[in-house]
Structure formats: C-alpha cells, structure tokens
Amino acid sequence: ADFLGSRPREAEERAIRTVVDAVRDTGGRAHILHLSDADAI
C-alpha cells in the first residue's frame, strides 16, 4: 500500500497531459507506454 501510494495516479495523468499538449503543439506522433491508471482513459 505504501509503494502504491508512492506512484499516484496523478503522476500518470499529469505526464500524459504533458504529452498530449506536446503532440498538439508539434504535430508529432506519440505513444503512451504501459498505462496502469484507468482515470487517464
């Protein structure tokens, strides 16, 4: 439970949002690896 708390869902969501913004701004292609957080779907 402590380990799970150390890698919160918010960490995935914020990083994915960063990638989404970068794809939008650059027109590039990106792929999100090993999604574990269903809240990001």
Full PDB file with SEQRES, HELIX, SHEET, SSBOND, CRYST1, ORIGX, SCALE, CONECT and MASTER records, all heavy atoms in Angstrom:
SEQRES   1 A   41  ALA ASP PHE LEU GLY SER ARG PRO ARG GLU ALA GLU GLU          
SEQRES   2 A   41  ARG ALA ILE ARG THR VAL VAL ASP ALA VAL ARG ASP THR          
SEQRES   3 A   41  GLY GLY ARG ALA HIS ILE LEU HIS LEU SER ASP ALA ASP          
SEQRES   4 A   41  ALA ILE                                                      
HELIX    1 AA1 ASP A    2  SER A    6  1                                   5    
HELIX    2 AA2 ARG A    9  THR A   26  1                                  18    
HELIX    3 AA3 ALA A   38  ALA A   40  5                                   3    
CRYST1    1.000    1.000    1.000  90.00  90.00  90.00 P 1           1          
ORIGX1      1.000000  0.000000  0.000000        0.00000                         
ORIGX2      0.000000  1.000000  0.000000        0.00000                         
ORIGX3      0.000000  0.000000  1.000000        0.00000                         
SCALE1      1.000000  0.000000  0.000000        0.00000                         
SCALE2      0.000000  1.000000  0.000000        0.00000                         
SCALE3      0.000000  0.000000  1.000000        0.00000                         
ATOM      1  N   ALA A   1       0.826  -1.205   0.000  1.00  0.00           N  
ATOM      2  CA  ALA A   1       0.000   0.000   0.000  1.00  0.00           C  
ATOM      3  C   ALA A   1       0.862   1.257   0.000  1.00  0.00           C  
ATOM      4  O   ALA A   1       0.525   2.262  -0.645  1.00  0.00           O  
ATOM      5  CB  ALA A   1      -0.941  -0.001   1.206  1.00  0.00           C  
ATOM      6  N   ASP A   2       1.981   1.231   0.718  1.00  0.00           N  
ATOM      7  CA  ASP A   2       2.882   2.386   0.725  1.00  0.00           C  
ATOM      8  C   ASP A   2       3.529   2.575  -0.641  1.00  0.00           C  
ATOM      9  O   ASP A   2       3.673   3.708  -1.120  1.00  0.00           O  
ATOM     10  CB  ASP A   2       3.949   2.213   1.806  1.00  0.00           C  
ATOM     11  CG  ASP A   2       3.399   2.335   3.208  1.00  0.00           C  
ATOM     12  OD1 ASP A   2       2.255   2.833   3.358  1.00  0.00           O  
ATOM     13  OD2 ASP A   2       4.093   1.924   4.163  1.00  0.00           O  
ATOM     14  N   PHE A   3       3.944   1.467  -1.256  1.00  0.00           N  
ATOM     15  CA  PHE A   3       4.535   1.583  -2.595  1.00  0.00           C  
ATOM     16  C   PHE A   3       3.514   2.139  -3.578  1.00  0.00           C  
ATOM     17  O   PHE A   3       3.825   3.029  -4.379  1.00  0.00           O  
ATOM     18  CB  PHE A   3       5.051   0.227  -3.074  1.00  0.00           C  
ATOM     19  CG  PHE A   3       5.482   0.247  -4.513  1.00  0.00           C  
ATOM     20  CD1 PHE A   3       6.557   1.009  -4.918  1.00  0.00           C  
ATOM     21  CD2 PHE A   3       4.783  -0.482  -5.468  1.00  0.00           C  
ATOM     22  CE1 PHE A   3       6.943   1.055  -6.257  1.00  0.00           C  
ATOM     23  CE2 PHE A   3       5.158  -0.456  -6.805  1.00  0.00           C  
ATOM     24  CZ  PHE A   3       6.245   0.318  -7.196  1.00  0.00           C  
ATOM     25  N   LEU A   4       2.287   1.634  -3.531  1.00  0.00           N  
ATOM     26  CA  LEU A   4       1.250   2.130  -4.426  1.00  0.00           C  
ATOM     27  C   LEU A   4       1.021   3.621  -4.204  1.00  0.00           C  
ATOM     28  O   LEU A   4       0.862   4.392  -5.163  1.00  0.00           O  
ATOM     29  CB  LEU A   4      -0.040   1.339  -4.195  1.00  0.00           C  
ATOM     30  CG  LEU A   4      -1.205   1.613  -5.143  1.00  0.00           C  
ATOM     31  CD1 LEU A   4      -0.812   1.336  -6.583  1.00  0.00           C  
ATOM     32  CD2 LEU A   4      -2.408   0.770  -4.740  1.00  0.00           C  
ATOM     33  N   GLY A   5       1.030   4.063  -2.947  1.00  0.00           N  
ATOM     34  CA  GLY A   5       0.862   5.480  -2.654  1.00  0.00           C  
ATOM     35  C   GLY A   5       2.000   6.345  -3.156  1.00  0.00           C  
ATOM     36  O   GLY A   5       1.826   7.543  -3.398  1.00  0.00           O  
ATOM     37  N   SER A   6       3.164   5.731  -3.356  1.00  0.00           N  
ATOM     38  CA  SER A   6       4.322   6.493  -3.829  1.00  0.00           C  
ATOM     39  C   SER A   6       4.293   6.727  -5.336  1.00  0.00           C  
ATOM     40  O   SER A   6       5.078   7.527  -5.852  1.00  0.00           O  
ATOM     41  CB  SER A   6       5.617   5.760  -3.453  1.00  0.00           C  
ATOM     42  OG  SER A   6       5.827   4.633  -4.291  1.00  0.00           O  
ATOM     43  N   ARG A   7       3.401   6.038  -6.055  1.00  0.00           N  
ATOM     44  CA  ARG A   7       3.263   6.220  -7.515  1.00  0.00           C  
ATOM     45  C   ARG A   7       1.792   6.540  -7.804  1.00  0.00           C  
ATOM     46  O   ARG A   7       1.063   5.736  -8.374  1.00  0.00           O  
ATOM     47  CB  ARG A   7       3.690   4.973  -8.288  1.00  0.00           C  
ATOM     48  CG  ARG A   7       4.958   4.300  -7.846  1.00  0.00           C  
ATOM     49  CD  ARG A   7       6.220   5.055  -8.164  1.00  0.00           C  
ATOM     50  NE  ARG A   7       6.537   5.213  -9.542  1.00  0.00           N  
ATOM     51  CZ  ARG A   7       7.796   5.309  -9.996  1.00  0.00           C  
ATOM     52  NH1 ARG A   7       8.826   5.194  -9.163  1.00  0.00           N  
ATOM     53  NH2 ARG A   7       8.024   5.519 -11.275  1.00  0.00           N  
ATOM     54  N   PRO A   8       1.303   7.711  -7.407  1.00  0.00           N  
ATOM     55  CA  PRO A   8      -0.129   8.016  -7.504  1.00  0.00           C  
ATOM     56  C   PRO A   8      -0.603   8.156  -8.946  1.00  0.00           C  
ATOM     57  O   PRO A   8       0.178   8.427  -9.863  1.00  0.00           O  
ATOM     58  CB  PRO A   8      -0.260   9.342  -6.752  1.00  0.00           C  
ATOM     59  CG  PRO A   8       1.083   9.961  -6.847  1.00  0.00           C  
ATOM     60  CD  PRO A   8       2.069   8.820  -6.831  1.00  0.00           C  
ATOM     61  N   ARG A   9      -1.887   7.991  -9.108  1.00  0.00           N  
ATOM     62  CA  ARG A   9      -2.491   8.116 -10.438  1.00  0.00           C  
ATOM     63  C   ARG A   9      -2.216   9.487 -11.039  1.00  0.00           C  
ATOM     64  O   ARG A   9      -2.057   9.636 -12.252  1.00  0.00           O  
ATOM     65  CB  ARG A   9      -3.997   7.882 -10.352  1.00  0.00           C  
ATOM     66  CG  ARG A   9      -4.382   6.497  -9.867  1.00  0.00           C  
ATOM     67  CD  ARG A   9      -5.893   6.337  -9.804  1.00  0.00           C  
ATOM     68  NE  ARG A   9      -6.257   5.083  -9.161  1.00  0.00           N  
ATOM     69  CZ  ARG A   9      -7.307   4.356  -9.495  1.00  0.00           C  
ATOM     70  NH1 ARG A   9      -8.114   4.774 -10.448  1.00  0.00           N  
ATOM     71  NH2 ARG A   9      -7.586   3.232  -8.862  1.00  0.00           N  
ATOM     72  N   GLU A  10      -2.194  10.506 -10.200  1.00  0.00           N  
ATOM     73  CA  GLU A  10      -1.960  11.866 -10.690  1.00  0.00           C  
ATOM     74  C   GLU A  10      -0.660  11.972 -11.466  1.00  0.00           C  
ATOM     75  O   GLU A  10      -0.539  12.778 -12.405  1.00  0.00           O  
ATOM     76  CB  GLU A  10      -1.956  12.851  -9.513  1.00  0.00           C  
ATOM     77  CG  GLU A  10      -1.778  14.299  -9.936  1.00  0.00           C  
ATOM     78  CD  GLU A  10      -1.555  15.231  -8.764  1.00  0.00           C  
ATOM     79  OE1 GLU A  10      -1.654  14.784  -7.595  1.00  0.00           O  
ATOM     80  OE2 GLU A  10      -1.257  16.417  -9.006  1.00  0.00           O  
ATOM     81  N   ALA A  11       0.353  11.150 -11.087  1.00  0.00           N  
ATOM     82  CA  ALA A  11       1.638  11.206 -11.785  1.00  0.00           C  
ATOM     83  C   ALA A  11       1.470  10.802 -13.244  1.00  0.00           C  
ATOM     84  O   ALA A  11       2.050  11.424 -14.156  1.00  0.00           O  
ATOM     85  CB  ALA A  11       2.652  10.299 -11.086  1.00  0.00           C  
ATOM     86  N   GLU A  12       0.697   9.762 -13.498  1.00  0.00           N  
ATOM     87  CA  GLU A  12       0.443   9.356 -14.884  1.00  0.00           C  
ATOM     88  C   GLU A  12      -0.374  10.420 -15.611  1.00  0.00           C  
ATOM     89  O   GLU A  12      -0.079  10.774 -16.757  1.00  0.00           O  
ATOM     90  CB  GLU A  12      -0.278   8.009 -14.923  1.00  0.00           C  
ATOM     91  CG  GLU A  12       0.619   6.818 -14.577  1.00  0.00           C  
ATOM     92  CD  GLU A  12      -0.042   5.489 -14.887  1.00  0.00           C  
ATOM     93  OE1 GLU A  12      -0.089   5.107 -16.077  1.00  0.00           O  
ATOM     94  OE2 GLU A  12      -0.516   4.823 -13.934  1.00  0.00           O  
ATOM     95  N   GLU A  13      -1.409  10.911 -14.958  1.00  0.00           N  
ATOM     96  CA  GLU A  13      -2.313  11.854 -15.628  1.00  0.00           C  
ATOM     97  C   GLU A  13      -1.600  13.148 -15.996  1.00  0.00           C  
ATOM     98  O   GLU A  13      -1.784  13.680 -17.102  1.00  0.00           O  
ATOM     99  CB  GLU A  13      -3.526  12.118 -14.746  1.00  0.00           C  
ATOM    100  CG  GLU A  13      -4.437  10.904 -14.624  1.00  0.00           C  
ATOM    101  CD  GLU A  13      -5.290  10.926 -13.372  1.00  0.00           C  
ATOM    102  OE1 GLU A  13      -5.736  12.018 -12.972  1.00  0.00           O  
ATOM    103  OE2 GLU A  13      -5.486   9.848 -12.772  1.00  0.00           O  
ATOM    104  N   ARG A  14      -0.780  13.680 -15.080  1.00  0.00           N  
ATOM    105  CA  ARG A  14      -0.081  14.925 -15.401  1.00  0.00           C  
ATOM    106  C   ARG A  14       0.914  14.716 -16.537  1.00  0.00           C  
ATOM    107  O   ARG A  14       1.031  15.554 -17.443  1.00  0.00           O  
ATOM    108  CB  ARG A  14       0.634  15.476 -14.174  1.00  0.00           C  
ATOM    109  CG  ARG A  14       1.307  16.820 -14.462  1.00  0.00           C  
ATOM    110  CD  ARG A  14       2.075  17.370 -13.278  1.00  0.00           C  
ATOM    111  NE  ARG A  14       1.184  17.770 -12.175  1.00  0.00           N  
ATOM    112  CZ  ARG A  14       1.618  18.375 -11.076  1.00  0.00           C  
ATOM    113  NH1 ARG A  14       2.917  18.651 -10.938  1.00  0.00           N  
ATOM    114  NH2 ARG A  14       0.772  18.693 -10.120  1.00  0.00           N  
ATOM    115  N   ALA A  15       1.629  13.597 -16.513  1.00  0.00           N  
ATOM    116  CA  ALA A  15       2.597  13.330 -17.576  1.00  0.00           C  
ATOM    117  C   ALA A  15       1.899  13.121 -18.919  1.00  0.00           C  
ATOM    118  O   ALA A  15       2.370  13.611 -19.961  1.00  0.00           O  
ATOM    119  CB  ALA A  15       3.432  12.104 -17.217  1.00  0.00           C  
ATOM    120  N   ILE A  16       0.797  12.397 -18.924  1.00  0.00           N  
ATOM    121  CA  ILE A  16       0.065  12.184 -20.177  1.00  0.00           C  
ATOM    122  C   ILE A  16      -0.458  13.508 -20.715  1.00  0.00           C  
ATOM    123  O   ILE A  16      -0.400  13.775 -21.925  1.00  0.00           O  
ATOM    124  CB  ILE A  16      -1.070  11.170 -19.960  1.00  0.00           C  
ATOM    125  CG1 ILE A  16      -0.480   9.775 -19.724  1.00  0.00           C  
ATOM    126  CG2 ILE A  16      -2.024  11.142 -21.164  1.00  0.00           C  
ATOM    127  CD1 ILE A  16      -1.481   8.739 -19.263  1.00  0.00           C  
ATOM    128  N   ARG A  17      -0.948  14.377 -19.830  1.00  0.00           N  
ATOM    129  CA  ARG A  17      -1.412  15.700 -20.264  1.00  0.00           C  
ATOM    130  C   ARG A  17      -0.259  16.478 -20.921  1.00  0.00           C  
ATOM    131  O   ARG A  17      -0.461  17.169 -21.930  1.00  0.00           O  
ATOM    132  CB  ARG A  17      -1.961  16.467 -19.069  1.00  0.00           C  
ATOM    133  CG  ARG A  17      -2.742  17.719 -19.438  1.00  0.00           C  
ATOM    134  CD  ARG A  17      -3.432  18.319 -18.211  1.00  0.00           C  
ATOM    135  NE  ARG A  17      -4.420  17.410 -17.626  1.00  0.00           N  
ATOM    136  CZ  ARG A  17      -4.277  16.807 -16.450  1.00  0.00           C  
ATOM    137  NH1 ARG A  17      -3.190  17.016 -15.710  1.00  0.00           N  
ATOM    138  NH2 ARG A  17      -5.227  16.005 -15.990  1.00  0.00           N  
ATOM    139  N   THR A  18       0.941  16.337 -20.361  1.00  0.00           N  
ATOM    140  CA  THR A  18       2.117  16.986 -20.943  1.00  0.00           C  
ATOM    141  C   THR A  18       2.389  16.482 -22.351  1.00  0.00           C  
ATOM    142  O   THR A  18       2.698  17.256 -23.265  1.00  0.00           O  
ATOM    143  CB  THR A  18       3.347  16.739 -20.047  1.00  0.00           C  
ATOM    144  OG1 THR A  18       3.127  17.323 -18.758  1.00  0.00           O  
ATOM    145  CG2 THR A  18       4.604  17.319 -20.657  1.00  0.00           C  
ATOM    146  N   VAL A  19       2.245  15.169 -22.549  1.00  0.00           N  
ATOM    147  CA  VAL A  19       2.471  14.585 -23.873  1.00  0.00           C  
ATOM    148  C   VAL A  19       1.375  15.025 -24.838  1.00  0.00           C  
ATOM    149  O   VAL A  19       1.655  15.359 -25.997  1.00  0.00           O  
ATOM    150  CB  VAL A  19       2.550  13.051 -23.777  1.00  0.00           C  
ATOM    151  CG1 VAL A  19       2.700  12.433 -25.170  1.00  0.00           C  
ATOM    152  CG2 VAL A  19       3.721  12.625 -22.896  1.00  0.00           C  
ATOM    153  N   VAL A  20       0.135  15.024 -24.393  1.00  0.00           N  
ATOM    154  CA  VAL A  20      -0.972  15.464 -25.245  1.00  0.00           C  
ATOM    155  C   VAL A  20      -0.723  16.883 -25.745  1.00  0.00           C  
ATOM    156  O   VAL A  20      -0.871  17.189 -26.942  1.00  0.00           O  
ATOM    157  CB  VAL A  20      -2.310  15.382 -24.487  1.00  0.00           C  
ATOM    158  CG1 VAL A  20      -3.423  16.087 -25.275  1.00  0.00           C  
ATOM    159  CG2 VAL A  20      -2.695  13.925 -24.220  1.00  0.00           C  
ATOM    160  N   ASP A  21      -0.337  17.770 -24.845  1.00  0.00           N  
ATOM    161  CA  ASP A  21      -0.079  19.159 -25.238  1.00  0.00           C  
ATOM    162  C   ASP A  21       1.065  19.243 -26.244  1.00  0.00           C  
ATOM    163  O   ASP A  21       1.007  20.028 -27.208  1.00  0.00           O  
ATOM    164  CB  ASP A  21       0.249  19.998 -24.000  1.00  0.00           C  
ATOM    165  CG  ASP A  21      -0.944  20.210 -23.080  1.00  0.00           C  
ATOM    166  OD1 ASP A  21      -2.090  19.991 -23.530  1.00  0.00           O  
ATOM    167  OD2 ASP A  21      -0.729  20.585 -21.913  1.00  0.00           O  
ATOM    168  N   ALA A  22       2.101  18.433 -26.039  1.00  0.00           N  
ATOM    169  CA  ALA A  22       3.248  18.461 -26.946  1.00  0.00           C  
ATOM    170  C   ALA A  22       2.876  17.938 -28.327  1.00  0.00           C  
ATOM    171  O   ALA A  22       3.319  18.478 -29.354  1.00  0.00           O  
ATOM    172  CB  ALA A  22       4.396  17.647 -26.356  1.00  0.00           C  
ATOM    173  N   VAL A  23       2.071  16.893 -28.386  1.00  0.00           N  
ATOM    174  CA  VAL A  23       1.609  16.369 -29.677  1.00  0.00           C  
ATOM    175  C   VAL A  23       0.773  17.422 -30.400  1.00  0.00           C  
ATOM    176  O   VAL A  23       0.928  17.655 -31.605  1.00  0.00           O  
ATOM    177  CB  VAL A  23       0.802  15.070 -29.469  1.00  0.00           C  
ATOM    178  CG1 VAL A  23       0.081  14.656 -30.754  1.00  0.00           C  
ATOM    179  CG2 VAL A  23       1.713  13.947 -28.994  1.00  0.00           C  
ATOM    180  N   ARG A  24      -0.101  18.083 -29.668  1.00  0.00           N  
ATOM    181  CA  ARG A  24      -0.947  19.124 -30.267  1.00  0.00           C  
ATOM    182  C   ARG A  24      -0.089  20.259 -30.833  1.00  0.00           C  
ATOM    183  O   ARG A  24      -0.339  20.765 -31.941  1.00  0.00           O  
ATOM    184  CB  ARG A  24      -1.917  19.667 -29.219  1.00  0.00           C  
ATOM    185  CG  ARG A  24      -2.866  20.728 -29.762  1.00  0.00           C  
ATOM    186  CD  ARG A  24      -3.758  21.295 -28.664  1.00  0.00           C  
ATOM    187  NE  ARG A  24      -4.670  20.293 -28.114  1.00  0.00           N  
ATOM    188  CZ  ARG A  24      -4.609  19.824 -26.866  1.00  0.00           C  
ATOM    189  NH1 ARG A  24      -3.666  20.271 -26.029  1.00  0.00           N  
ATOM    190  NH2 ARG A  24      -5.481  18.927 -26.451  1.00  0.00           N  
ATOM    191  N   ASP A  25       0.936  20.661 -30.092  1.00  0.00           N  
ATOM    192  CA  ASP A  25       1.723  21.830 -30.496  1.00  0.00           C  
ATOM    193  C   ASP A  25       2.729  21.520 -31.595  1.00  0.00           C  
ATOM    194  O   ASP A  25       3.065  22.410 -32.395  1.00  0.00           O  
ATOM    195  CB  ASP A  25       2.466  22.392 -29.279  1.00  0.00           C  
ATOM    196  CG  ASP A  25       1.522  22.999 -28.249  1.00  0.00           C  
ATOM    197  OD1 ASP A  25       0.343  23.247 -28.586  1.00  0.00           O  
ATOM    198  OD2 ASP A  25       1.962  23.198 -27.102  1.00  0.00           O  
ATOM    199  N   THR A  26       3.247  20.289 -31.637  1.00  0.00           N  
ATOM    200  CA  THR A  26       4.288  19.946 -32.614  1.00  0.00           C  
ATOM    201  C   THR A  26       3.753  19.220 -33.839  1.00  0.00           C  
ATOM    202  O   THR A  26       4.431  19.169 -34.870  1.00  0.00           O  
ATOM    203  CB  THR A  26       5.367  19.049 -31.974  1.00  0.00           C  
ATOM    204  OG1 THR A  26       4.762  17.793 -31.602  1.00  0.00           O  
ATOM    205  CG2 THR A  26       6.000  19.716 -30.762  1.00  0.00           C  
ATOM    206  N   GLY A  27       2.563  18.634 -33.731  1.00  0.00           N  
ATOM    207  CA  GLY A  27       2.060  17.809 -34.822  1.00  0.00           C  
ATOM    208  C   GLY A  27       2.741  16.461 -34.902  1.00  0.00           C  
ATOM    209  O   GLY A  27       2.597  15.747 -35.907  1.00  0.00           O  
ATOM    210  N   GLY A  28       3.474  16.093 -33.849  1.00  0.00           N  
ATOM    211  CA  GLY A  28       4.181  14.822 -33.843  1.00  0.00           C  
ATOM    212  C   GLY A  28       3.279  13.653 -33.481  1.00  0.00           C  
ATOM    213  O   GLY A  28       2.104  13.806 -33.146  1.00  0.00           O  
ATOM    214  N   ARG A  29       3.869  12.456 -33.542  1.00  0.00           N  
ATOM    215  CA  ARG A  29       3.188  11.219 -33.169  1.00  0.00           C  
ATOM    216  C   ARG A  29       3.786  10.694 -31.875  1.00  0.00           C  
ATOM    217  O   ARG A  29       5.018  10.640 -31.732  1.00  0.00           O  
ATOM    218  CB  ARG A  29       3.328  10.152 -34.251  1.00  0.00           C  
ATOM    219  CG  ARG A  29       2.668  10.513 -35.570  1.00  0.00           C  
ATOM    220  CD  ARG A  29       2.589   9.298 -36.507  1.00  0.00           C  
ATOM    221  NE  ARG A  29       3.905   8.808 -36.876  1.00  0.00           N  
ATOM    222  CZ  ARG A  29       4.300   7.537 -36.786  1.00  0.00           C  
ATOM    223  NH1 ARG A  29       3.490   6.631 -36.256  1.00  0.00           N  
ATOM    224  NH2 ARG A  29       5.506   7.178 -37.178  1.00  0.00           N  
ATOM    225  N   ALA A  30       2.934  10.296 -30.936  1.00  0.00           N  
ATOM    226  CA  ALA A  30       3.425   9.789 -29.654  1.00  0.00           C  
ATOM    227  C   ALA A  30       2.579   8.599 -29.209  1.00  0.00           C  
ATOM    228  O   ALA A  30       1.417   8.448 -29.597  1.00  0.00           O  
ATOM    229  CB  ALA A  30       3.415  10.880 -28.592  1.00  0.00           C  
ATOM    230  N   HIS A  31       3.193   7.787 -28.370  1.00  0.00           N  
ATOM    231  CA  HIS A  31       2.557   6.571 -27.853  1.00  0.00           C  
ATOM    232  C   HIS A  31       2.838   6.501 -26.365  1.00  0.00           C  
ATOM    233  O   HIS A  31       3.992   6.632 -25.933  1.00  0.00           O  
ATOM    234  CB  HIS A  31       3.134   5.349 -28.570  1.00  0.00           C  
ATOM    235  CG  HIS A  31       2.614   4.037 -28.080  1.00  0.00           C  
ATOM    236  ND1 HIS A  31       1.361   3.561 -28.396  1.00  0.00           N  
ATOM    237  CD2 HIS A  31       3.189   3.085 -27.288  1.00  0.00           C  
ATOM    238  CE1 HIS A  31       1.188   2.377 -27.834  1.00  0.00           C  
ATOM    239  NE2 HIS A  31       2.269   2.071 -27.150  1.00  0.00           N  
ATOM    240  N   ILE A  32       1.782   6.303 -25.572  1.00  0.00           N  
ATOM    241  CA  ILE A  32       1.920   6.195 -24.123  1.00  0.00           C  
ATOM    242  C   ILE A  32       2.171   4.742 -23.759  1.00  0.00           C  
ATOM    243  O   ILE A  32       1.374   3.860 -24.100  1.00  0.00           O  
ATOM    244  CB  ILE A  32       0.656   6.714 -23.401  1.00  0.00           C  
ATOM    245  CG1 ILE A  32       0.378   8.177 -23.793  1.00  0.00           C  
ATOM    246  CG2 ILE A  32       0.806   6.553 -21.890  1.00  0.00           C  
ATOM    247  CD1 ILE A  32       1.474   9.142 -23.423  1.00  0.00           C  
ATOM    248  N   LEU A  33       3.252   4.516 -23.044  1.00  0.00           N  
ATOM    249  CA  LEU A  33       3.635   3.159 -22.669  1.00  0.00           C  
ATOM    250  C   LEU A  33       2.912   2.708 -21.399  1.00  0.00           C  
ATOM    251  O   LEU A  33       2.558   3.517 -20.544  1.00  0.00           O  
ATOM    252  CB  LEU A  33       5.150   3.090 -22.442  1.00  0.00           C  
ATOM    253  CG  LEU A  33       6.003   3.419 -23.668  1.00  0.00           C  
ATOM    254  CD1 LEU A  33       7.460   3.612 -23.268  1.00  0.00           C  
ATOM    255  CD2 LEU A  33       5.884   2.321 -24.722  1.00  0.00           C  
ATOM    256  N   HIS A  34       2.715   1.403 -21.297  1.00  0.00           N  
ATOM    257  CA  HIS A  34       2.263   0.676 -20.093  1.00  0.00           C  
ATOM    258  C   HIS A  34       1.315   1.484 -19.194  1.00  0.00           C  
ATOM    259  O   HIS A  34       1.608   1.757 -18.030  1.00  0.00           O  
ATOM    260  CB  HIS A  34       3.461   0.176 -19.287  1.00  0.00           C  
ATOM    261  CG  HIS A  34       4.581   1.152 -19.069  1.00  0.00           C  
ATOM    262  ND1 HIS A  34       4.389   2.425 -18.584  1.00  0.00           N  
ATOM    263  CD2 HIS A  34       5.913   1.004 -19.255  1.00  0.00           C  
ATOM    264  CE1 HIS A  34       5.556   3.026 -18.503  1.00  0.00           C  
ATOM    265  NE2 HIS A  34       6.497   2.195 -18.894  1.00  0.00           N  
ATOM    266  N   LEU A  35       0.162   1.837 -19.725  1.00  0.00           N  
ATOM    267  CA  LEU A  35      -0.826   2.566 -18.939  1.00  0.00           C  
ATOM    268  C   LEU A  35      -1.342   1.685 -17.805  1.00  0.00           C  
ATOM    269  O   LEU A  35      -1.820   0.576 -18.029  1.00  0.00           O  
ATOM    270  CB  LEU A  35      -2.001   2.991 -19.822  1.00  0.00           C  
ATOM    271  CG  LEU A  35      -3.095   3.784 -19.106  1.00  0.00           C  
ATOM    272  CD1 LEU A  35      -2.609   5.193 -18.793  1.00  0.00           C  
ATOM    273  CD2 LEU A  35      -4.373   3.822 -19.937  1.00  0.00           C  
ATOM    274  N   SER A  36      -1.262   2.209 -16.577  1.00  0.00           N  
ATOM    275  CA  SER A  36      -1.850   1.491 -15.446  1.00  0.00           C  
ATOM    276  C   SER A  36      -3.016   2.245 -14.836  1.00  0.00           C  
ATOM    277  O   SER A  36      -3.822   1.664 -14.110  1.00  0.00           O  
ATOM    278  CB  SER A  36      -0.791   1.206 -14.368  1.00  0.00           C  
ATOM    279  OG  SER A  36      -0.616   2.288 -13.485  1.00  0.00           O  
ATOM    280  N   ASP A  37      -3.154   3.539 -15.122  1.00  0.00           N  
ATOM    281  CA  ASP A  37      -4.171   4.390 -14.491  1.00  0.00           C  
ATOM    282  C   ASP A  37      -5.386   4.535 -15.396  1.00  0.00           C  
ATOM    283  O   ASP A  37      -5.347   5.254 -16.397  1.00  0.00           O  
ATOM    284  CB  ASP A  37      -3.564   5.760 -14.188  1.00  0.00           C  
ATOM    285  CG  ASP A  37      -4.599   6.765 -13.717  1.00  0.00           C  
ATOM    286  OD1 ASP A  37      -5.626   6.337 -13.152  1.00  0.00           O  
ATOM    287  OD2 ASP A  37      -4.384   7.975 -13.932  1.00  0.00           O  
ATOM    288  N   ALA A  38      -6.477   3.884 -15.025  1.00  0.00           N  
ATOM    289  CA  ALA A  38      -7.692   3.968 -15.839  1.00  0.00           C  
ATOM    290  C   ALA A  38      -8.317   5.355 -15.820  1.00  0.00           C  
ATOM    291  O   ALA A  38      -9.087   5.697 -16.720  1.00  0.00           O  
ATOM    292  CB  ALA A  38      -8.706   2.930 -15.362  1.00  0.00           C  
ATOM    293  N   ASP A  39      -7.997   6.173 -14.826  1.00  0.00           N  
ATOM    294  CA  ASP A  39      -8.542   7.535 -14.788  1.00  0.00           C  
ATOM    295  C   ASP A  39      -8.076   8.366 -15.987  1.00  0.00           C  
ATOM    296  O   ASP A  39      -8.711   9.377 -16.325  1.00  0.00           O  
ATOM    297  CB  ASP A  39      -8.123   8.247 -13.502  1.00  0.00           C  
ATOM    298  CG  ASP A  39      -8.852   7.732 -12.268  1.00  0.00           C  
ATOM    299  OD1 ASP A  39      -9.825   6.974 -12.429  1.00  0.00           O  
ATOM    300  OD2 ASP A  39      -8.435   8.076 -11.149  1.00  0.00           O  
ATOM    301  N   ALA A  40      -6.967   7.949 -16.631  1.00  0.00           N  
ATOM    302  CA  ALA A  40      -6.443   8.708 -17.769  1.00  0.00           C  
ATOM    303  C   ALA A  40      -7.152   8.371 -19.072  1.00  0.00           C  
ATOM    304  O   ALA A  40      -6.952   9.061 -20.081  1.00  0.00           O  
ATOM    305  CB  ALA A  40      -4.947   8.447 -17.923  1.00  0.00           C  
ATOM    306  N   ILE A  41      -7.979   7.341 -19.077  1.00  0.00           N  
ATOM    307  CA  ILE A  41      -8.594   6.893 -20.334  1.00  0.00           C  
ATOM    308  C   ILE A  41      -9.452   7.974 -20.980  1.00  0.00           C  
ATOM    309  O   ILE A  41      -9.347   8.199 -22.203  1.00  0.00           O  
ATOM    310  CB  ILE A  41      -9.379   5.586 -20.111  1.00  0.00           C  
ATOM    311  CG1 ILE A  41      -8.396   4.439 -19.831  1.00  0.00           C  
ATOM    312  CG2 ILE A  41     -10.249   5.256 -21.320  1.00  0.00           C  
ATOM    313  CD1 ILE A  41      -9.066   3.123 -19.462  1.00  0.00           C  
TER     314      ILE A  41                                                      
MASTER        0    0    0    3    0    0    0    6  313    1    0    4          
END                                                                             
